[in-house]
Every structure is written in structure tokens, then in C-alpha cells.
Amino acid sequence: MAARQRYRFRAPSTGREVIIEAQPGHTYRDRETGETLDVVGKLVPLAPSASNLPWSIENLRHCPHCGQMAQHDLNDCPTCGRRMSPVESTTA
């Protein structure tokens, strides 16, 4: 379970982005340039969450019972709480 909130940070001069489990009050710096990173946004799902996957189309599936979106790494639907079927493998 992810306890801390993950944020997307961006270096102003290079535009390079990094995702960090950030703590309030800390200043994060870019490894290459040393400049302070700007917070671009929070990653969904918000902490605390049972899933460690960010909400993106390749990480989501529909619950067969309630039709709501849930991450691939969850066994139970976070909306209705019912057990979901295993994720089908796409490898041939």
C-alpha cells in the first residue's frame, strides 16, 4: 500500500520530469542541473491507496460487477469491493 503521495516534478530549464513520493516541506533538486524542481501535479490514485500503479489507460480495467475503473494490480474492486477476475495475458 502506498502511504505517501506521489507527485510529478519538472526541471524548469530542461523540462525533464520525475515522479517522487514527496514529503511536505522538502525541497527537491534535479540531479543534473541542481536547480529546484517545480511541482507539476499529483498522481492519481491519491495516497493511501491499495495500488501502486498510476491511473493511465494501460494500467486500468473495468470491474465486471459495477463497471468502474480499477488498476490491474488490484484483486478487489475499490468501488464495490467485489473480487475481479484475473487479468488476461496479452503475450502470444
Protein backbone atom coordinates (compact mmCIF):
# COMPACT_ATOMS: atom_id res chain seq x y z
CA MET A 1 0.00 0.00 0.00
CA ALA A 2 1.39 3.38 -1.00
CA ALA A 3 1.38 5.54 2.14
CA ARG A 4 2.93 8.74 0.75
CA GLN A 5 1.53 10.82 -2.09
CA ARG A 6 3.42 10.71 -5.41
CA TYR A 7 4.00 13.93 -7.34
CA ARG A 8 5.28 14.78 -10.81
CA PHE A 9 8.14 17.31 -10.70
CA ARG A 10 9.69 19.19 -13.63
CA ALA A 11 13.07 20.90 -14.05
CA PRO A 12 12.34 24.40 -15.45
CA SER A 13 15.36 24.70 -17.76
CA THR A 14 15.41 21.20 -19.27
CA GLY A 15 11.75 20.17 -18.96
CA ARG A 16 12.84 16.79 -17.61
CA GLU A 17 10.18 15.20 -15.40
CA VAL A 18 10.47 12.81 -12.46
CA ILE A 19 7.90 11.12 -10.21
CA ILE A 20 8.73 11.19 -6.50
CA GLU A 21 6.97 10.12 -3.30
CA ALA A 22 7.37 13.57 -1.83
CA GLN A 23 7.24 14.78 1.75
CA PRO A 24 5.82 18.18 2.72
CA GLY A 25 8.40 20.85 3.45
CA HIS A 26 11.24 19.22 1.48
CA THR A 27 12.95 20.84 -1.50
CA TYR A 28 13.77 18.51 -4.37
CA ARG A 29 16.57 19.26 -6.84
CA ASP A 30 17.45 17.99 -10.30
CA ARG A 31 20.47 15.66 -10.29
CA GLU A 32 21.98 17.07 -13.49
CA THR A 33 21.43 20.81 -13.14
CA GLY A 34 20.98 21.20 -9.37
CA GLU A 35 18.01 23.53 -9.83
CA THR A 36 14.88 23.28 -7.71
CA LEU A 37 12.18 21.09 -9.22
CA ASP A 38 8.69 22.53 -9.71
CA VAL A 39 5.61 20.52 -8.71
CA VAL A 40 3.52 19.85 -11.82
CA GLY A 41 0.77 17.76 -10.20
CA LYS A 42 -0.34 14.87 -8.01
CA LEU A 43 -0.51 11.36 -9.38
CA VAL A 44 -3.83 9.58 -9.12
CA PRO A 45 -4.69 7.45 -7.14
CA LEU A 46 -4.20 9.67 -4.13
CA ALA A 47 -2.42 8.20 -1.11
CA PRO A 48 -3.14 6.00 0.75
CA SER A 49 -4.06 3.53 -2.00
CA ALA A 50 -4.01 -0.25 -2.33
CA SER A 51 -2.47 0.10 -5.80
CA ASN A 52 0.97 1.36 -6.74
CA LEU A 53 0.06 1.90 -10.43
CA PRO A 54 -0.72 5.41 -11.70
CA TRP A 55 -4.06 5.96 -13.41
CA SER A 56 -3.32 5.64 -17.11
CA ILE A 57 -5.13 3.76 -19.86
CA GLU A 58 -2.58 0.94 -19.95
CA ASN A 59 -2.92 0.31 -16.17
CA LEU A 60 -6.74 0.30 -15.88
CA ARG A 61 -9.57 -2.17 -16.45
CA HIS A 62 -13.32 -2.19 -15.85
CA CYS A 63 -14.86 -4.02 -12.92
CA PRO A 64 -17.24 -6.65 -14.35
CA HIS A 65 -19.72 -6.03 -11.50
CA CYS A 66 -20.07 -2.26 -11.21
CA GLY A 67 -18.33 -1.06 -14.41
CA GLN A 68 -15.99 1.35 -12.61
CA MET A 69 -12.29 1.66 -13.43
CA ALA A 70 -9.70 -0.17 -11.29
CA GLN A 71 -5.95 -0.72 -11.60
CA HIS A 72 -4.63 -4.02 -13.00
CA ASP A 73 -2.75 -4.89 -9.79
CA LEU A 74 -5.89 -4.95 -7.60
CA ASN A 75 -7.81 -8.16 -6.87
CA ASP A 76 -10.85 -6.44 -5.37
CA CYS A 77 -12.71 -3.50 -6.92
CA PRO A 78 -12.07 -0.29 -4.90
CA THR A 79 -15.63 0.90 -5.68
CA CYS A 80 -17.87 -2.11 -4.96
CA GLY A 81 -15.39 -4.32 -3.06
CA ARG A 82 -16.15 -7.45 -5.09
CA ARG A 83 -13.46 -9.81 -6.38
CA MET A 84 -12.45 -9.18 -10.02
CA SER A 85 -11.35 -11.89 -12.43
CA PRO A 86 -7.62 -12.25 -13.18
CA VAL A 87 -6.11 -10.01 -15.84
CA GLU A 88 -5.72 -11.83 -19.14
CA SER A 89 -2.18 -12.05 -20.50
CA THR A 90 -1.59 -10.27 -23.83
CA THR A 91 1.57 -12.24 -24.71
CA ALA A 92 1.27 -14.65 -27.60
